[in-house]
N, C-alpha and C. Protein backbone atom coordinates (compact mmCIF):
# COMPACT_ATOMS: atom_id res chain seq x y z
N MET A 1 -20.12 -94.79 151.34
CA MET A 1 -19.17 -94.70 150.24
C MET A 1 -17.79 -94.31 150.80
N ALA A 2 -16.75 -95.02 150.39
CA ALA A 2 -15.39 -94.76 150.85
C ALA A 2 -14.89 -93.44 150.28
N PRO A 3 -14.07 -92.71 151.06
CA PRO A 3 -13.50 -91.47 150.55
C PRO A 3 -12.64 -91.75 149.32
N ALA A 4 -12.61 -90.81 148.42
CA ALA A 4 -11.88 -90.98 147.16
C ALA A 4 -10.38 -90.87 147.37
N LEU A 5 -9.67 -91.79 146.76
CA LEU A 5 -8.22 -91.75 146.74
C LEU A 5 -7.81 -91.54 145.29
N ASP A 6 -7.19 -90.41 145.03
CA ASP A 6 -6.62 -90.13 143.72
C ASP A 6 -5.17 -90.61 143.80
N PHE A 7 -4.85 -91.69 143.11
CA PHE A 7 -3.61 -92.40 143.32
C PHE A 7 -2.89 -92.67 142.01
N THR A 8 -1.57 -92.45 142.00
CA THR A 8 -0.76 -92.84 140.85
C THR A 8 0.45 -93.62 141.34
N LEU A 9 0.92 -94.53 140.51
CA LEU A 9 2.10 -95.33 140.80
C LEU A 9 3.04 -95.20 139.62
N GLN A 10 4.28 -94.78 139.90
CA GLN A 10 5.27 -94.57 138.85
C GLN A 10 6.54 -95.34 139.19
N PHE A 11 7.25 -95.74 138.16
CA PHE A 11 8.54 -96.41 138.33
C PHE A 11 9.59 -95.64 137.55
N GLY A 12 10.68 -95.28 138.24
CA GLY A 12 11.82 -94.68 137.56
C GLY A 12 12.59 -95.76 136.80
N ARG A 13 13.65 -95.36 136.16
CA ARG A 13 14.49 -96.32 135.44
C ARG A 13 15.67 -96.69 136.32
N PHE A 14 15.76 -97.97 136.63
CA PHE A 14 16.86 -98.47 137.45
C PHE A 14 16.96 -99.97 137.24
N GLY A 15 18.14 -100.52 137.50
CA GLY A 15 18.35 -101.94 137.35
C GLY A 15 17.47 -102.74 138.29
N GLY A 16 16.86 -103.79 137.78
CA GLY A 16 16.02 -104.64 138.60
C GLY A 16 14.61 -104.13 138.80
N ALA A 17 14.21 -103.12 138.06
CA ALA A 17 12.87 -102.53 138.23
C ALA A 17 11.76 -103.55 138.00
N ALA A 18 11.98 -104.48 137.10
CA ALA A 18 10.93 -105.46 136.78
C ALA A 18 10.53 -106.28 138.01
N ALA A 19 11.48 -106.63 138.84
CA ALA A 19 11.17 -107.41 140.05
C ALA A 19 10.31 -106.60 141.01
N HIS A 20 10.54 -105.31 141.08
CA HIS A 20 9.75 -104.44 141.97
C HIS A 20 8.36 -104.21 141.39
N ARG A 21 8.29 -104.09 140.08
CA ARG A 21 6.97 -103.97 139.43
C ARG A 21 6.11 -105.20 139.72
N ALA A 22 6.75 -106.36 139.74
CA ALA A 22 6.01 -107.61 139.97
C ALA A 22 5.44 -107.65 141.39
N VAL A 23 6.15 -107.09 142.35
CA VAL A 23 5.70 -107.08 143.74
C VAL A 23 4.67 -105.98 143.98
N LEU A 24 4.84 -104.87 143.29
CA LEU A 24 4.02 -103.68 143.55
C LEU A 24 2.88 -103.55 142.55
N LYS A 25 1.90 -104.40 142.69
CA LYS A 25 0.71 -104.30 141.85
C LYS A 25 -0.06 -103.04 142.25
N ARG A 26 -0.55 -102.33 141.27
CA ARG A 26 -1.25 -101.07 141.53
C ARG A 26 -2.37 -101.22 142.54
N SER A 27 -3.16 -102.27 142.41
CA SER A 27 -4.30 -102.47 143.32
C SER A 27 -3.84 -102.67 144.76
N ALA A 28 -2.74 -103.40 144.96
CA ALA A 28 -2.23 -103.63 146.31
C ALA A 28 -1.69 -102.33 146.92
N VAL A 29 -0.91 -101.60 146.14
CA VAL A 29 -0.34 -100.35 146.64
C VAL A 29 -1.46 -99.37 146.98
N ALA A 30 -2.47 -99.27 146.14
CA ALA A 30 -3.60 -98.38 146.41
C ALA A 30 -4.32 -98.80 147.69
N ARG A 31 -4.43 -100.11 147.91
CA ARG A 31 -5.09 -100.60 149.13
C ARG A 31 -4.28 -100.23 150.37
N TRP A 32 -2.95 -100.40 150.31
CA TRP A 32 -2.10 -100.07 151.46
C TRP A 32 -2.18 -98.58 151.79
N VAL A 33 -2.02 -97.75 150.76
CA VAL A 33 -2.07 -96.30 150.95
C VAL A 33 -3.46 -95.87 151.41
N GLY A 34 -4.48 -96.39 150.75
CA GLY A 34 -5.86 -96.02 151.10
C GLY A 34 -6.23 -96.41 152.52
N HIS A 35 -5.73 -97.53 152.97
CA HIS A 35 -6.02 -97.98 154.34
C HIS A 35 -5.41 -97.02 155.37
N ALA A 36 -4.26 -96.45 155.05
CA ALA A 36 -3.59 -95.51 155.96
C ALA A 36 -4.09 -94.08 155.77
N LEU A 37 -4.95 -93.86 154.79
CA LEU A 37 -5.47 -92.53 154.48
C LEU A 37 -7.00 -92.61 154.46
N PRO A 38 -7.63 -92.74 155.63
CA PRO A 38 -9.06 -93.03 155.70
C PRO A 38 -9.97 -91.93 155.14
N HIS A 39 -9.47 -90.71 155.02
CA HIS A 39 -10.31 -89.62 154.53
C HIS A 39 -10.03 -89.29 153.06
N GLY A 40 -9.27 -90.17 152.40
CA GLY A 40 -8.98 -89.96 150.99
C GLY A 40 -7.93 -88.88 150.78
N GLY A 41 -7.63 -88.62 149.53
CA GLY A 41 -6.63 -87.62 149.20
C GLY A 41 -5.97 -87.94 147.87
N GLN A 42 -4.89 -87.24 147.61
CA GLN A 42 -4.13 -87.43 146.38
C GLN A 42 -2.71 -87.86 146.74
N ILE A 43 -2.35 -89.05 146.33
CA ILE A 43 -1.02 -89.58 146.63
C ILE A 43 -0.40 -90.12 145.34
N ALA A 44 0.82 -89.67 145.07
CA ALA A 44 1.60 -90.24 143.98
C ALA A 44 2.75 -91.03 144.61
N VAL A 45 2.92 -92.26 144.19
CA VAL A 45 4.00 -93.12 144.68
C VAL A 45 4.96 -93.33 143.52
N ARG A 46 6.24 -93.07 143.78
CA ARG A 46 7.27 -93.26 142.75
C ARG A 46 8.34 -94.18 143.32
N ILE A 47 8.64 -95.23 142.58
CA ILE A 47 9.67 -96.20 142.96
C ILE A 47 10.91 -95.88 142.12
N VAL A 48 12.03 -95.63 142.79
CA VAL A 48 13.22 -95.14 142.10
C VAL A 48 14.46 -95.95 142.47
N GLY A 49 15.53 -95.71 141.72
CA GLY A 49 16.83 -96.29 142.02
C GLY A 49 17.60 -95.40 142.98
N GLU A 50 18.80 -95.84 143.33
CA GLU A 50 19.59 -95.12 144.33
C GLU A 50 20.03 -93.73 143.87
N ASP A 51 20.34 -93.55 142.61
CA ASP A 51 20.80 -92.23 142.15
C ASP A 51 19.70 -91.18 142.33
N GLU A 52 18.49 -91.49 141.91
CA GLU A 52 17.38 -90.55 142.04
C GLU A 52 17.04 -90.30 143.51
N ALA A 53 17.04 -91.36 144.30
CA ALA A 53 16.73 -91.22 145.73
C ALA A 53 17.78 -90.37 146.43
N ARG A 54 19.04 -90.60 146.12
CA ARG A 54 20.12 -89.82 146.73
C ARG A 54 20.01 -88.35 146.34
N ALA A 55 19.74 -88.08 145.07
CA ALA A 55 19.63 -86.69 144.61
C ALA A 55 18.47 -85.97 145.32
N LEU A 56 17.34 -86.64 145.46
CA LEU A 56 16.20 -86.03 146.15
C LEU A 56 16.48 -85.81 147.64
N ASN A 57 17.10 -86.79 148.28
CA ASN A 57 17.41 -86.68 149.70
C ASN A 57 18.43 -85.56 149.94
N ARG A 58 19.39 -85.43 149.04
CA ARG A 58 20.39 -84.36 149.15
C ARG A 58 19.74 -83.00 148.94
N GLN A 59 18.89 -82.89 147.91
CA GLN A 59 18.27 -81.61 147.59
C GLN A 59 17.29 -81.15 148.66
N TYR A 60 16.48 -82.06 149.18
CA TYR A 60 15.40 -81.65 150.07
C TYR A 60 15.67 -81.85 151.56
N ARG A 61 16.64 -82.72 151.89
CA ARG A 61 16.93 -82.96 153.31
C ARG A 61 18.39 -82.71 153.65
N GLY A 62 19.21 -82.40 152.64
CA GLY A 62 20.61 -82.12 152.90
C GLY A 62 21.41 -83.35 153.30
N LYS A 63 20.91 -84.55 152.95
CA LYS A 63 21.59 -85.79 153.29
C LYS A 63 22.02 -86.49 152.01
N ASP A 64 23.32 -86.73 151.90
CA ASP A 64 23.87 -87.30 150.67
C ASP A 64 23.86 -88.83 150.70
N SER A 65 22.66 -89.39 150.79
CA SER A 65 22.49 -90.84 150.77
C SER A 65 21.08 -91.15 150.31
N ALA A 66 20.91 -92.36 149.81
CA ALA A 66 19.57 -92.82 149.45
C ALA A 66 18.91 -93.35 150.71
N THR A 67 17.65 -93.02 150.90
CA THR A 67 16.90 -93.50 152.05
C THR A 67 15.72 -94.32 151.57
N ASN A 68 15.09 -95.08 152.45
CA ASN A 68 14.04 -95.99 152.02
C ASN A 68 12.79 -95.27 151.50
N VAL A 69 12.31 -94.24 152.23
CA VAL A 69 11.12 -93.52 151.79
C VAL A 69 11.25 -92.05 152.10
N LEU A 70 10.85 -91.23 151.15
CA LEU A 70 10.76 -89.79 151.32
C LEU A 70 9.30 -89.39 151.13
N THR A 71 8.81 -88.55 152.02
CA THR A 71 7.44 -88.06 151.92
C THR A 71 7.48 -86.57 151.65
N PHE A 72 6.83 -86.18 150.59
CA PHE A 72 6.67 -84.77 150.25
C PHE A 72 5.20 -84.43 150.44
N ASP A 73 4.89 -83.79 151.56
CA ASP A 73 3.49 -83.47 151.83
C ASP A 73 3.25 -82.00 151.47
N TYR A 74 2.29 -81.80 150.59
CA TYR A 74 1.99 -80.46 150.07
C TYR A 74 0.78 -79.84 150.73
N SER A 75 -0.13 -80.69 151.20
CA SER A 75 -1.35 -80.20 151.82
C SER A 75 -1.92 -81.28 152.73
N ARG A 76 -2.49 -80.84 153.84
CA ARG A 76 -3.20 -81.77 154.73
C ARG A 76 -4.68 -81.43 154.81
N GLU A 77 -5.02 -80.19 154.55
CA GLU A 77 -6.40 -79.72 154.60
C GLU A 77 -6.69 -78.94 153.32
N PRO A 78 -7.81 -79.06 152.70
CA PRO A 78 -8.93 -79.90 153.11
C PRO A 78 -8.70 -81.38 152.83
N GLN A 79 -7.66 -81.69 152.09
CA GLN A 79 -7.32 -83.10 151.86
C GLN A 79 -5.82 -83.25 151.78
N VAL A 80 -5.36 -84.46 152.02
CA VAL A 80 -3.93 -84.76 151.93
C VAL A 80 -3.53 -84.83 150.46
N ILE A 81 -2.45 -84.13 150.15
CA ILE A 81 -1.84 -84.19 148.83
C ILE A 81 -0.36 -84.42 149.07
N ALA A 82 0.18 -85.52 148.54
CA ALA A 82 1.58 -85.86 148.82
C ALA A 82 2.16 -86.75 147.75
N ASP A 83 3.49 -86.74 147.70
CA ASP A 83 4.26 -87.68 146.89
C ASP A 83 5.07 -88.55 147.86
N LEU A 84 5.11 -89.84 147.59
CA LEU A 84 5.95 -90.77 148.33
C LEU A 84 6.97 -91.34 147.35
N VAL A 85 8.23 -91.24 147.69
CA VAL A 85 9.30 -91.75 146.84
C VAL A 85 10.03 -92.84 147.60
N LEU A 86 10.03 -94.04 147.05
CA LEU A 86 10.69 -95.17 147.70
C LEU A 86 11.86 -95.63 146.85
N CYS A 87 12.98 -95.86 147.50
CA CYS A 87 14.19 -96.31 146.82
C CYS A 87 14.22 -97.84 146.82
N ALA A 88 13.96 -98.42 145.65
CA ALA A 88 13.84 -99.87 145.52
C ALA A 88 15.06 -100.64 146.05
N PRO A 89 16.29 -100.27 145.68
CA PRO A 89 17.43 -101.04 146.19
C PRO A 89 17.56 -100.98 147.71
N VAL A 90 17.26 -99.84 148.32
CA VAL A 90 17.32 -99.72 149.78
C VAL A 90 16.23 -100.57 150.42
N VAL A 91 15.02 -100.49 149.88
CA VAL A 91 13.91 -101.29 150.42
C VAL A 91 14.24 -102.78 150.31
N GLN A 92 14.77 -103.20 149.18
CA GLN A 92 15.12 -104.60 148.98
C GLN A 92 16.22 -105.04 149.96
N ARG A 93 17.23 -104.21 150.14
CA ARG A 93 18.33 -104.53 151.06
C ARG A 93 17.80 -104.63 152.50
N GLU A 94 16.95 -103.69 152.91
CA GLU A 94 16.40 -103.72 154.26
C GLU A 94 15.53 -104.96 154.48
N ALA A 95 14.71 -105.30 153.50
CA ALA A 95 13.85 -106.48 153.62
C ALA A 95 14.71 -107.73 153.82
N ARG A 96 15.76 -107.84 153.05
CA ARG A 96 16.66 -108.99 153.17
C ARG A 96 17.32 -109.01 154.56
N GLU A 97 17.84 -107.87 155.01
CA GLU A 97 18.50 -107.78 156.31
C GLU A 97 17.54 -108.08 157.46
N GLN A 98 16.28 -107.67 157.32
CA GLN A 98 15.27 -107.86 158.36
C GLN A 98 14.54 -109.20 158.21
N ARG A 99 14.93 -109.96 157.20
CA ARG A 99 14.35 -111.28 156.94
C ARG A 99 12.83 -111.22 156.83
N LYS A 100 12.36 -110.29 156.00
CA LYS A 100 10.92 -110.19 155.78
C LYS A 100 10.66 -110.14 154.29
N PRO A 101 9.48 -110.54 153.86
CA PRO A 101 9.16 -110.48 152.44
C PRO A 101 9.20 -109.04 151.92
N LEU A 102 9.67 -108.89 150.70
CA LEU A 102 9.75 -107.57 150.09
C LEU A 102 8.39 -106.88 150.09
N GLU A 103 7.35 -107.61 149.77
CA GLU A 103 6.00 -107.04 149.75
C GLU A 103 5.62 -106.46 151.11
N ALA A 104 5.91 -107.19 152.19
CA ALA A 104 5.57 -106.73 153.53
C ALA A 104 6.33 -105.45 153.88
N HIS A 105 7.59 -105.38 153.47
CA HIS A 105 8.39 -104.18 153.78
C HIS A 105 7.87 -102.99 152.98
N TYR A 106 7.53 -103.20 151.72
CA TYR A 106 6.92 -102.11 150.94
C TYR A 106 5.61 -101.65 151.58
N ALA A 107 4.76 -102.60 151.99
CA ALA A 107 3.50 -102.23 152.63
C ALA A 107 3.77 -101.36 153.86
N HIS A 108 4.75 -101.76 154.68
CA HIS A 108 5.09 -100.99 155.87
C HIS A 108 5.55 -99.58 155.51
N LEU A 109 6.46 -99.48 154.57
CA LEU A 109 7.01 -98.16 154.23
C LEU A 109 5.97 -97.26 153.56
N LEU A 110 5.06 -97.83 152.82
CA LEU A 110 3.99 -97.03 152.21
C LEU A 110 3.00 -96.54 153.26
N VAL A 111 2.67 -97.38 154.22
CA VAL A 111 1.84 -96.94 155.35
C VAL A 111 2.58 -95.86 156.13
N HIS A 112 3.85 -96.09 156.41
CA HIS A 112 4.70 -95.14 157.14
C HIS A 112 4.73 -93.78 156.44
N GLY A 113 5.01 -93.79 155.15
CA GLY A 113 5.07 -92.54 154.39
C GLY A 113 3.72 -91.84 154.33
N THR A 114 2.64 -92.61 154.22
CA THR A 114 1.30 -92.03 154.18
C THR A 114 0.95 -91.38 155.52
N LEU A 115 1.40 -91.98 156.61
CA LEU A 115 1.18 -91.36 157.92
C LEU A 115 1.97 -90.05 158.04
N HIS A 116 3.21 -90.04 157.53
CA HIS A 116 3.98 -88.79 157.51
C HIS A 116 3.21 -87.70 156.76
N ALA A 117 2.59 -88.06 155.65
CA ALA A 117 1.85 -87.09 154.84
C ALA A 117 0.69 -86.48 155.61
N GLN A 118 0.24 -87.17 156.65
CA GLN A 118 -0.86 -86.68 157.47
C GLN A 118 -0.37 -85.96 158.73
N GLY A 119 0.94 -85.82 158.85
CA GLY A 119 1.48 -85.06 159.97
C GLY A 119 2.10 -85.89 161.08
N TYR A 120 2.03 -87.19 160.99
CA TYR A 120 2.68 -88.02 162.01
C TYR A 120 4.20 -87.91 161.83
N ASP A 121 4.92 -87.88 162.95
CA ASP A 121 6.37 -87.73 162.88
C ASP A 121 7.03 -88.49 164.02
N HIS A 122 7.88 -89.43 163.70
CA HIS A 122 8.56 -90.25 164.71
C HIS A 122 9.84 -89.62 165.19
N GLU A 123 10.24 -88.49 164.60
CA GLU A 123 11.51 -87.87 164.97
C GLU A 123 11.34 -86.71 165.95
N THR A 124 10.11 -86.36 166.31
CA THR A 124 9.89 -85.21 167.18
C THR A 124 10.03 -85.56 168.66
N SER A 125 9.60 -86.75 169.05
CA SER A 125 9.73 -87.18 170.44
C SER A 125 9.52 -88.69 170.52
N GLU A 126 9.90 -89.27 171.65
CA GLU A 126 9.71 -90.69 171.83
C GLU A 126 8.21 -91.02 171.87
N ARG A 127 7.43 -90.14 172.46
CA ARG A 127 5.98 -90.35 172.52
C ARG A 127 5.38 -90.38 171.12
N ASP A 128 5.78 -89.41 170.28
CA ASP A 128 5.28 -89.38 168.90
C ASP A 128 5.71 -90.62 168.13
N ALA A 129 6.95 -91.07 168.37
CA ALA A 129 7.45 -92.27 167.69
C ALA A 129 6.63 -93.48 168.09
N LEU A 130 6.35 -93.62 169.38
CA LEU A 130 5.56 -94.75 169.86
C LEU A 130 4.14 -94.71 169.31
N GLU A 131 3.56 -93.51 169.22
CA GLU A 131 2.21 -93.36 168.66
C GLU A 131 2.18 -93.78 167.20
N MET A 132 3.18 -93.32 166.43
CA MET A 132 3.23 -93.65 165.01
C MET A 132 3.46 -95.15 164.81
N GLU A 133 4.38 -95.73 165.58
CA GLU A 133 4.65 -97.16 165.46
C GLU A 133 3.41 -97.98 165.80
N ALA A 134 2.69 -97.60 166.85
CA ALA A 134 1.49 -98.34 167.25
C ALA A 134 0.44 -98.29 166.14
N LEU A 135 0.30 -97.14 165.51
CA LEU A 135 -0.67 -97.00 164.42
C LEU A 135 -0.23 -97.84 163.21
N GLU A 136 1.06 -97.84 162.92
CA GLU A 136 1.57 -98.67 161.82
C GLU A 136 1.29 -100.14 162.08
N ILE A 137 1.54 -100.60 163.30
CA ILE A 137 1.30 -102.00 163.66
C ILE A 137 -0.18 -102.33 163.48
N LEU A 138 -1.05 -101.45 163.94
CA LEU A 138 -2.50 -101.65 163.82
C LEU A 138 -2.94 -101.71 162.36
N LEU A 139 -2.50 -100.74 161.56
CA LEU A 139 -2.88 -100.68 160.15
C LEU A 139 -2.36 -101.89 159.38
N LEU A 140 -1.10 -102.25 159.60
CA LEU A 140 -0.54 -103.39 158.89
C LEU A 140 -1.21 -104.69 159.31
N GLY A 141 -1.55 -104.82 160.59
CA GLY A 141 -2.27 -106.01 161.05
C GLY A 141 -3.60 -106.14 160.34
N ALA A 142 -4.31 -105.01 160.19
CA ALA A 142 -5.60 -105.03 159.49
C ALA A 142 -5.42 -105.40 158.02
N LEU A 143 -4.25 -105.13 157.46
CA LEU A 143 -3.96 -105.47 156.07
C LEU A 143 -3.42 -106.90 155.94
N GLY A 144 -3.23 -107.58 157.08
CA GLY A 144 -2.76 -108.96 157.05
C GLY A 144 -1.26 -109.13 157.15
N TYR A 145 -0.54 -108.09 157.58
CA TYR A 145 0.91 -108.17 157.71
C TYR A 145 1.29 -108.17 159.18
N PRO A 146 2.39 -108.86 159.53
CA PRO A 146 2.82 -108.91 160.92
C PRO A 146 3.44 -107.59 161.38
N ASN A 147 3.63 -107.48 162.67
CA ASN A 147 4.29 -106.32 163.27
C ASN A 147 5.63 -106.09 162.56
N PRO A 148 5.84 -104.89 161.98
CA PRO A 148 7.08 -104.65 161.24
C PRO A 148 8.28 -104.36 162.14
N TYR A 149 8.02 -104.21 163.43
CA TYR A 149 9.10 -103.89 164.37
C TYR A 149 9.46 -105.11 165.15
């Protein structure tokens, strides 16, 4: 029996939200997060506009800009409990600039954020960054997506 994933998907109010809702089917998002969280846990995913993302990034990281994904990890033991906040306009802009499908970029960032919730960190050292990237490539490949780097 697979470990339980307690999962919620929320959308804030922002222009163009309907297009993101169409790409982010609950079942797909749960599969992406669940694949990166093999021992189960509680994850809430919230898709927001730039104003909400900027306010959260400013409040919690001291950076006055919207970023693609924010991970709020509350617990790792006995299970992972976290919120992932993705800024839809930033994700869409990055996907366009990187010439990749929006769905593939969301899958990557959700796997990335879920790994952060488990303690992986690409900003601590080059070795840690390479380890996290390799795991992302492996997980995304298993989900049917190409190397995001």
